[in-house]
Amino acid sequence: MSQIPESFLEATEFLDIEHEAVRTFAAASIGDARTDRDKAKRLFAAVRDQVWYDPYTVSDDPAHYRASFVLQAGRAYCVPKAVLLTAVCRAAGIPARLGFADVRNHLQTEALRARMGGTDLFVYHGYSSLHIDGRWLKATPAFNTELCARFGVPPVEFDGEHDALMHAFTADGTQHMEYVRERGVFDDLPLVTILAELRDTYGPMVDTSAHPVDDAFTDQPTSQTRPGGAFRGSHSSQEA
């Protein structure tokens, strides 16, 4: 087995694993877990369910993609959630990197499709690539459990032994997610490349202001809101 590069355990601009909030979240989520497999399972579930998935929170501010900010915001789309999972796994001593793929999401609200210009193609869907027991496994913590229930989709579960990607079909057999193109894996977030692709695919929706949208993605049953309207000037969607 080839040696895992130290870079997969290090802090980066976006994977700020030395930040107190990141380390505290990782420690609290791990609890008494001892093996990398069990630690990764708990970290995955914590990121999946404690950060609400909101596809309207795409931002062009690099600060909004740091793991510590994702924790502060409490809601994010797939890319920042993958950043957070990758960061807390590194903080726990689990080699981790970021992976991306283009996906077709057939589970979509009318408002979201309209914001995306009528397409169901989500470019640069983010996931984490975790090294556990000698193998690299893919895990996407995007959809929180409550949101999955709204759409009739079983939540993605990660057992630390198999890839945990989005389901191809919903519980009633309706087509849900289709992976159409791999974009590769990275030591850190290639934000400039991602934002350029978002603008190329979705046009001005990434940069222009838009009125808040009320739909299944944004109707969060808690007091959490977007941090200070920080995303008001850069809305889009990507992934599910």
C-alpha atoms as a PDB file:
ATOM      1  CA  MET A   1       0.000   0.000   0.000  1.00  0.00           C
ATOM      2  CA  SER A   2       1.415   3.380  -0.946  1.00  0.00           C
ATOM      3  CA  GLN A   3       2.072   5.930   1.765  1.00  0.00           C
ATOM      4  CA  ILE A   4      -0.661   8.510   2.315  1.00  0.00           C
ATOM      5  CA  PRO A   5       0.705  12.039   1.743  1.00  0.00           C
ATOM      6  CA  GLU A   6       0.879  14.210   4.851  1.00  0.00           C
ATOM      7  CA  SER A   7      -1.064  16.852   2.922  1.00  0.00           C
ATOM      8  CA  PHE A   8      -4.233  14.819   3.462  1.00  0.00           C
ATOM      9  CA  LEU A   9      -3.938  15.496   7.204  1.00  0.00           C
ATOM     10  CA  GLU A  10      -2.869  19.137   7.129  1.00  0.00           C
ATOM     11  CA  ALA A  11      -4.701  22.410   7.598  1.00  0.00           C
ATOM     12  CA  THR A  12      -5.326  24.525   4.486  1.00  0.00           C
ATOM     13  CA  GLU A  13      -6.932  27.857   3.705  1.00  0.00           C
ATOM     14  CA  PHE A  14     -10.411  26.314   3.732  1.00  0.00           C
ATOM     15  CA  LEU A  15      -9.801  23.242   5.895  1.00  0.00           C
ATOM     16  CA  ASP A  16      -8.974  25.252   9.024  1.00  0.00           C
ATOM     17  CA  ILE A  17      -8.664  22.219  11.233  1.00  0.00           C
ATOM     18  CA  GLU A  18      -6.849  24.077  14.006  1.00  0.00           C
ATOM     19  CA  HIS A  19      -9.799  26.430  14.556  1.00  0.00           C
ATOM     20  CA  GLU A  20     -11.296  25.922  18.006  1.00  0.00           C
ATOM     21  CA  ALA A  21     -14.842  25.495  16.661  1.00  0.00           C
ATOM     22  CA  VAL A  22     -13.734  22.801  14.212  1.00  0.00           C
ATOM     23  CA  ARG A  23     -11.813  20.860  16.833  1.00  0.00           C
ATOM     24  CA  THR A  24     -14.612  21.165  19.381  1.00  0.00           C
ATOM     25  CA  PHE A  25     -17.206  19.962  16.860  1.00  0.00           C
ATOM     26  CA  ALA A  26     -14.997  17.034  15.865  1.00  0.00           C
ATOM     27  CA  ALA A  27     -14.357  15.970  19.454  1.00  0.00           C
ATOM     28  CA  ALA A  28     -18.007  16.253  20.455  1.00  0.00           C
ATOM     29  CA  SER A  29     -19.150  14.297  17.405  1.00  0.00           C
ATOM     30  CA  ILE A  30     -16.599  11.504  17.874  1.00  0.00           C
ATOM     31  CA  GLY A  31     -17.397  10.966  21.538  1.00  0.00           C
ATOM     32  CA  ASP A  32     -16.012   7.621  22.683  1.00  0.00           C
ATOM     33  CA  ALA A  33     -15.374   6.222  19.191  1.00  0.00           C
ATOM     34  CA  ARG A  34     -11.908   4.706  18.894  1.00  0.00           C
ATOM     35  CA  THR A  35     -11.439   3.377  15.362  1.00  0.00           C
ATOM     36  CA  ASP A  36     -11.197   5.546  12.259  1.00  0.00           C
ATOM     37  CA  ARG A  37     -14.247   3.765  10.875  1.00  0.00           C
ATOM     38  CA  ASP A  38     -16.404   4.603  13.873  1.00  0.00           C
ATOM     39  CA  LYS A  39     -15.060   8.143  14.088  1.00  0.00           C
ATOM     40  CA  ALA A  40     -15.833   8.752  10.401  1.00  0.00           C
ATOM     41  CA  LYS A  41     -19.356   7.364  10.769  1.00  0.00           C
ATOM     42  CA  ARG A  42     -20.127   9.747  13.624  1.00  0.00           C
ATOM     43  CA  LEU A  43     -18.504  12.737  11.929  1.00  0.00           C
ATOM     44  CA  PHE A  44     -20.462  12.063   8.745  1.00  0.00           C
ATOM     45  CA  ALA A  45     -23.794  11.913  10.605  1.00  0.00           C
ATOM     46  CA  ALA A  46     -22.987  15.080  12.549  1.00  0.00           C
ATOM     47  CA  VAL A  47     -22.130  17.135   9.456  1.00  0.00           C
ATOM     48  CA  ARG A  48     -25.086  15.720   7.535  1.00  0.00           C
ATOM     49  CA  ASP A  49     -27.670  16.586  10.186  1.00  0.00           C
ATOM     50  CA  GLN A  50     -26.270  19.540  12.129  1.00  0.00           C
ATOM     51  CA  VAL A  51     -25.736  21.739   9.064  1.00  0.00           C
ATOM     52  CA  TRP A  52     -28.943  22.302   7.094  1.00  0.00           C
ATOM     53  CA  TYR A  53     -28.658  21.767   3.335  1.00  0.00           C
ATOM     54  CA  ASP A  54     -29.594  24.981   1.515  1.00  0.00           C
ATOM     55  CA  PRO A  55     -28.807  25.226  -2.229  1.00  0.00           C
ATOM     56  CA  TYR A  56     -29.516  28.960  -2.201  1.00  0.00           C
ATOM     57  CA  THR A  57     -26.443  29.782  -0.114  1.00  0.00           C
ATOM     58  CA  VAL A  58     -23.834  29.749  -2.876  1.00  0.00           C
ATOM     59  CA  SER A  59     -21.386  32.573  -2.159  1.00  0.00           C
ATOM     60  CA  ASP A  60     -18.448  34.093  -4.002  1.00  0.00           C
ATOM     61  CA  ASP A  61     -16.789  35.095  -0.719  1.00  0.00           C
ATOM     62  CA  PRO A  62     -13.911  32.673   0.050  1.00  0.00           C
ATOM     63  CA  ALA A  63     -14.411  33.150   3.791  1.00  0.00           C
ATOM     64  CA  HIS A  64     -17.809  31.458   3.542  1.00  0.00           C
ATOM     65  CA  TYR A  65     -16.168  28.198   2.479  1.00  0.00           C
ATOM     66  CA  ARG A  66     -13.952  27.734   5.506  1.00  0.00           C
ATOM     67  CA  ALA A  67     -14.988  24.872   7.752  1.00  0.00           C
ATOM     68  CA  SER A  68     -15.250  27.152  10.780  1.00  0.00           C
ATOM     69  CA  PHE A  69     -17.634  29.481   8.938  1.00  0.00           C
ATOM     70  CA  VAL A  70     -19.842  26.580   7.847  1.00  0.00           C
ATOM     71  CA  LEU A  71     -20.267  25.665  11.506  1.00  0.00           C
ATOM     72  CA  GLN A  72     -21.100  29.255  12.369  1.00  0.00           C
ATOM     73  CA  ALA A  73     -23.636  29.574   9.535  1.00  0.00           C
ATOM     74  CA  GLY A  74     -25.427  26.324  10.341  1.00  0.00           C
ATOM     75  CA  ARG A  75     -26.620  25.934   6.744  1.00  0.00           C
ATOM     76  CA  ALA A  76     -24.782  25.418   3.473  1.00  0.00           C
ATOM     77  CA  TYR A  77     -24.891  23.717   0.100  1.00  0.00           C
ATOM     78  CA  CYS A  78     -22.944  20.601  -0.841  1.00  0.00           C
ATOM     79  CA  VAL A  79     -19.497  22.128  -1.348  1.00  0.00           C
ATOM     80  CA  PRO A  80     -19.123  23.813   2.072  1.00  0.00           C
ATOM     81  CA  LYS A  81     -20.621  20.730   3.763  1.00  0.00           C
ATOM     82  CA  ALA A  82     -17.988  18.562   2.073  1.00  0.00           C
ATOM     83  CA  VAL A  83     -15.326  21.039   3.210  1.00  0.00           C
ATOM     84  CA  LEU A  84     -16.547  20.689   6.783  1.00  0.00           C
ATOM     85  CA  LEU A  85     -16.614  16.882   6.722  1.00  0.00           C
ATOM     86  CA  THR A  86     -13.145  16.758   5.186  1.00  0.00           C
ATOM     87  CA  ALA A  87     -11.832  19.188   7.788  1.00  0.00           C
ATOM     88  CA  VAL A  88     -13.236  17.418  10.847  1.00  0.00           C
ATOM     89  CA  CYS A  89     -11.963  14.076   9.560  1.00  0.00           C
ATOM     90  CA  ARG A  90      -8.466  15.542   9.228  1.00  0.00           C
ATOM     91  CA  ALA A  91      -8.831  17.021  12.717  1.00  0.00           C
ATOM     92  CA  ALA A  92      -9.596  13.483  13.921  1.00  0.00           C
ATOM     93  CA  GLY A  93      -6.472  12.092  12.232  1.00  0.00           C
ATOM     94  CA  ILE A  94      -8.311  10.532   9.266  1.00  0.00           C
ATOM     95  CA  PRO A  95      -6.688  11.317   5.887  1.00  0.00           C
ATOM     96  CA  ALA A  96      -9.262  13.175   3.817  1.00  0.00           C
ATOM     97  CA  ARG A  97      -9.563  15.128   0.580  1.00  0.00           C
ATOM     98  CA  LEU A  98     -12.283  16.836  -1.451  1.00  0.00           C
ATOM     99  CA  GLY A  99     -13.973  15.265  -4.472  1.00  0.00           C
ATOM    100  CA  PHE A 100     -16.337  16.690  -7.069  1.00  0.00           C
ATOM    101  CA  ALA A 101     -18.707  15.406  -9.739  1.00  0.00           C
ATOM    102  CA  ASP A 102     -21.440  16.783 -11.974  1.00  0.00           C
ATOM    103  CA  VAL A 103     -24.812  15.256 -11.133  1.00  0.00           C
ATOM    104  CA  ARG A 104     -28.319  15.356 -12.494  1.00  0.00           C
ATOM    105  CA  ASN A 105     -30.783  15.838  -9.641  1.00  0.00           C
ATOM    106  CA  HIS A 106     -34.307  14.853 -10.612  1.00  0.00           C
ATOM    107  CA  LEU A 107     -35.534  15.789  -7.138  1.00  0.00           C
ATOM    108  CA  GLN A 108     -35.876  19.541  -7.421  1.00  0.00           C
ATOM    109  CA  THR A 109     -38.332  22.277  -6.493  1.00  0.00           C
ATOM    110  CA  GLU A 110     -39.821  24.542  -9.140  1.00  0.00           C
ATOM    111  CA  ALA A 111     -38.195  27.548  -7.502  1.00  0.00           C
ATOM    112  CA  LEU A 112     -34.769  25.930  -7.557  1.00  0.00           C
ATOM    113  CA  ARG A 113     -35.080  24.855 -11.183  1.00  0.00           C
ATOM    114  CA  ALA A 114     -36.117  28.383 -12.141  1.00  0.00           C
ATOM    115  CA  ARG A 115     -33.116  29.836 -10.289  1.00  0.00           C
ATOM    116  CA  MET A 116     -30.896  27.416 -12.219  1.00  0.00           C
ATOM    117  CA  GLY A 117     -32.249  28.500 -15.582  1.00  0.00           C
ATOM    118  CA  GLY A 118     -34.394  25.404 -16.101  1.00  0.00           C
ATOM    119  CA  THR A 119     -31.656  22.765 -15.815  1.00  0.00           C
ATOM    120  CA  ASP A 120     -31.363  19.895 -13.367  1.00  0.00           C
ATOM    121  CA  LEU A 121     -27.591  19.585 -13.839  1.00  0.00           C
ATOM    122  CA  PHE A 122     -25.656  20.486 -10.700  1.00  0.00           C
ATOM    123  CA  VAL A 123     -22.002  21.107 -11.533  1.00  0.00           C
ATOM    124  CA  TYR A 124     -19.225  20.462  -9.039  1.00  0.00           C
ATOM    125  CA  HIS A 125     -21.300  18.536  -6.511  1.00  0.00           C
ATOM    126  CA  GLY A 126     -18.991  18.212  -3.515  1.00  0.00           C
ATOM    127  CA  TYR A 127     -18.217  15.114  -1.488  1.00  0.00           C
ATOM    128  CA  SER A 128     -15.463  13.932   0.839  1.00  0.00           C
ATOM    129  CA  SER A 129     -12.929  11.226   0.028  1.00  0.00           C
ATOM    130  CA  LEU A 130     -11.859   9.499   3.240  1.00  0.00           C
ATOM    131  CA  HIS A 131      -9.026   7.007   3.763  1.00  0.00           C
ATOM    132  CA  ILE A 132     -10.249   4.287   6.100  1.00  0.00           C
ATOM    133  CA  ASP A 133      -8.667   0.878   6.675  1.00  0.00           C
ATOM    134  CA  GLY A 134      -6.456   1.185   3.620  1.00  0.00           C
ATOM    135  CA  ARG A 135      -9.137   2.304   1.147  1.00  0.00           C
ATOM    136  CA  TRP A 136     -10.468   5.609  -0.159  1.00  0.00           C
ATOM    137  CA  LEU A 137     -14.225   5.933   0.322  1.00  0.00           C
ATOM    138  CA  LYS A 138     -16.584   8.605  -1.030  1.00  0.00           C
ATOM    139  CA  ALA A 139     -19.094  10.198   1.326  1.00  0.00           C
ATOM    140  CA  THR A 140     -21.530  13.022   0.604  1.00  0.00           C
ATOM    141  CA  PRO A 141     -23.096  14.596   3.709  1.00  0.00           C
ATOM    142  CA  ALA A 142     -25.253  17.070   1.775  1.00  0.00           C
ATOM    143  CA  PHE A 143     -28.920  16.231   2.507  1.00  0.00           C
ATOM    144  CA  ASN A 144     -29.792  16.306   6.200  1.00  0.00           C
ATOM    145  CA  THR A 145     -32.200  13.647   7.461  1.00  0.00           C
ATOM    146  CA  GLU A 146     -35.178  15.956   7.907  1.00  0.00           C
ATOM    147  CA  LEU A 147     -34.877  17.332   4.383  1.00  0.00           C
ATOM    148  CA  CYS A 148     -34.695  13.792   3.004  1.00  0.00           C
ATOM    149  CA  ALA A 149     -37.959  12.985   4.777  1.00  0.00           C
ATOM    150  CA  ARG A 150     -39.645  15.953   3.086  1.00  0.00           C
ATOM    151  CA  PHE A 151     -38.704  14.599  -0.328  1.00  0.00           C
ATOM    152  CA  GLY A 152     -39.342  10.949   0.440  1.00  0.00           C
ATOM    153  CA  VAL A 153     -35.672  10.021   0.037  1.00  0.00           C
ATOM    154  CA  PRO A 154     -33.845   7.796   2.535  1.00  0.00           C
ATOM    155  CA  PRO A 155     -30.947   9.683   4.121  1.00  0.00           C
ATOM    156  CA  VAL A 156     -27.499   8.683   2.908  1.00  0.00           C
ATOM    157  CA  GLU A 157     -25.821   6.530   5.538  1.00  0.00           C
ATOM    158  CA  PHE A 158     -22.078   6.015   5.834  1.00  0.00           C
ATOM    159  CA  ASP A 159     -20.865   2.766   7.398  1.00  0.00           C
ATOM    160  CA  GLY A 160     -17.143   3.408   7.029  1.00  0.00           C
ATOM    161  CA  GLU A 161     -16.809   0.439   4.658  1.00  0.00           C
ATOM    162  CA  HIS A 162     -18.626   1.489   1.475  1.00  0.00           C
ATOM    163  CA  ASP A 163     -19.097   4.652  -0.581  1.00  0.00           C
ATOM    164  CA  ALA A 164     -21.992   6.804   0.625  1.00  0.00           C
ATOM    165  CA  LEU A 165     -23.282   8.637  -2.439  1.00  0.00           C
ATOM    166  CA  MET A 166     -26.699  10.008  -3.314  1.00  0.00           C
ATOM    167  CA  HIS A 167     -29.406   7.473  -4.102  1.00  0.00           C
ATOM    168  CA  ALA A 168     -30.299   6.873  -7.742  1.00  0.00           C
ATOM    169  CA  PHE A 169     -33.970   6.466  -6.809  1.00  0.00           C
ATOM    170  CA  THR A 170     -36.371   7.694  -4.134  1.00  0.00           C
ATOM    171  CA  ALA A 171     -38.242   5.312  -1.844  1.00  0.00           C
ATOM    172  CA  ASP A 172     -41.119   4.976  -4.366  1.00  0.00           C
ATOM    173  CA  GLY A 173     -38.807   4.220  -7.294  1.00  0.00           C
ATOM    174  CA  THR A 174     -38.722   7.718  -8.799  1.00  0.00           C
ATOM    175  CA  GLN A 175     -35.408   8.650 -10.355  1.00  0.00           C
ATOM    176  CA  HIS A 176     -33.458  10.931  -8.044  1.00  0.00           C
ATOM    177  CA  MET A 177     -29.751  11.396  -8.705  1.00  0.00           C
ATOM    178  CA  GLU A 178     -27.529  10.580 -11.660  1.00  0.00           C
ATOM    179  CA  TYR A 179     -23.752  11.037 -11.583  1.00  0.00           C
ATOM    180  CA  VAL A 180     -22.650  12.153 -15.043  1.00  0.00           C
ATOM    181  CA  ARG A 181     -19.059  13.414 -14.758  1.00  0.00           C
ATOM    182  CA  GLU A 182     -16.225  13.101 -12.274  1.00  0.00           C
ATOM    183  CA  ARG A 183     -14.213  16.276 -11.619  1.00  0.00           C
ATOM    184  CA  GLY A 184     -11.423  14.733  -9.548  1.00  0.00           C
ATOM    185  CA  VAL A 185     -10.094  14.959  -5.989  1.00  0.00           C
ATOM    186  CA  PHE A 186      -8.148  17.800  -4.389  1.00  0.00           C
ATOM    187  CA  ASP A 187      -6.039  18.552  -1.305  1.00  0.00           C
ATOM    188  CA  ASP A 188      -7.933  21.818  -0.828  1.00  0.00           C
ATOM    189  CA  LEU A 189     -10.982  23.533  -2.273  1.00  0.00           C
ATOM    190  CA  PRO A 190     -10.477  24.713  -5.912  1.00  0.00           C
ATOM    191  CA  LEU A 191     -12.868  27.599  -5.354  1.00  0.00           C
ATOM    192  CA  VAL A 192     -11.815  29.774  -8.291  1.00  0.00           C
ATOM    193  CA  THR A 193     -12.413  26.883 -10.695  1.00  0.00           C
ATOM    194  CA  ILE A 194     -15.761  26.030  -9.111  1.00  0.00           C
ATOM    195  CA  LEU A 195     -17.072  29.593  -9.227  1.00  0.00           C
ATOM    196  CA  ALA A 196     -15.995  29.964 -12.858  1.00  0.00           C
ATOM    197  CA  GLU A 197     -17.894  26.795 -13.779  1.00  0.00           C
ATOM    198  CA  LEU A 198     -20.970  27.945 -11.857  1.00  0.00           C
ATOM    199  CA  ARG A 199     -20.999  31.244 -13.722  1.00  0.00           C
ATOM    200  CA  ASP A 200     -20.477  29.504 -17.054  1.00  0.00           C
ATOM    201  CA  THR A 201     -23.318  27.041 -16.372  1.00  0.00           C
ATOM    202  CA  TYR A 202     -25.848  29.250 -14.603  1.00  0.00           C
ATOM    203  CA  GLY A 203     -24.949  32.734 -15.822  1.00  0.00           C
ATOM    204  CA  PRO A 204     -25.586  35.829 -13.719  1.00  0.00           C
ATOM    205  CA  MET A 205     -27.527  33.941 -11.049  1.00  0.00           C
ATOM    206  CA  VAL A 206     -24.261  33.419  -9.171  1.00  0.00           C
ATOM    207  CA  ASP A 207     -23.536  37.141  -8.922  1.00  0.00           C
ATOM    208  CA  THR A 208     -26.829  39.002  -8.964  1.00  0.00           C
ATOM    209  CA  SER A 209     -29.032  39.694  -5.967  1.00  0.00           C
ATOM    210  CA  ALA A 210     -32.224  37.714  -5.679  1.00  0.00           C
ATOM    211  CA  HIS A 211     -35.185  37.760  -3.347  1.00  0.00           C
ATOM    212  CA  PRO A 212     -35.183  34.990  -0.727  1.00  0.00           C
ATOM    213  CA  VAL A 213     -36.938  31.822  -1.814  1.00  0.00           C
ATOM    214  CA  ASP A 214     -39.395  29.943   0.360  1.00  0.00           C
ATOM    215  CA  ASP A 215     -39.526  26.265  -0.485  1.00  0.00           C
ATOM    216  CA  ALA A 216     -38.699  22.886   1.039  1.00  0.00           C
ATOM    217  CA  PHE A 217     -34.987  23.673   1.086  1.00  0.00           C
ATOM    218  CA  THR A 218     -35.251  26.945   2.993  1.00  0.00           C
ATOM    219  CA  ASP A 219     -38.154  26.285   5.382  1.00  0.00           C
ATOM    220  CA  GLN A 220     -35.983  25.269   8.294  1.00  0.00           C
ATOM    221  CA  PRO A 221     -37.899  24.551  11.529  1.00  0.00           C
ATOM    222  CA  THR A 222     -35.373  26.294  13.787  1.00  0.00           C
ATOM    223  CA  SER A 223     -34.371  29.833  14.620  1.00  0.00           C
ATOM    224  CA  GLN A 224     -31.258  29.540  12.438  1.00  0.00           C
ATOM    225  CA  THR A 225     -31.028  31.988   9.563  1.00  0.00           C
ATOM    226  CA  ARG A 226     -28.421  32.904   7.035  1.00  0.00           C
ATOM    227  CA  PRO A 227     -25.591  34.794   8.753  1.00  0.00           C
ATOM    228  CA  GLY A 228     -26.253  38.487   8.401  1.00  0.00           C
ATOM    229  CA  GLY A 229     -27.562  38.213   4.862  1.00  0.00           C
ATOM    230  CA  ALA A 230     -24.040  37.329   3.783  1.00  0.00           C
ATOM    231  CA  PHE A 231     -25.204  35.370   0.753  1.00  0.00           C
ATOM    232  CA  ARG A 232     -27.587  37.970  -0.577  1.00  0.00           C
ATOM    233  CA  GLY A 233     -25.351  38.977  -3.467  1.00  0.00           C
ATOM    234  CA  SER A 234     -24.382  35.561  -4.750  1.00  0.00           C
ATOM    235  CA  HIS A 235     -27.135  33.029  -5.197  1.00  0.00           C
ATOM    236  CA  SER A 236     -27.087  29.884  -7.235  1.00  0.00           C
ATOM    237  CA  SER A 237     -27.515  26.248  -6.777  1.00  0.00           C
ATOM    238  CA  GLN A 238     -25.263  23.426  -7.103  1.00  0.00           C
ATOM    239  CA  GLU A 239     -25.744  19.826  -6.204  1.00  0.00           C
ATOM    240  CA  ALA A 240     -27.987  18.069  -3.941  1.00  0.00           C
END
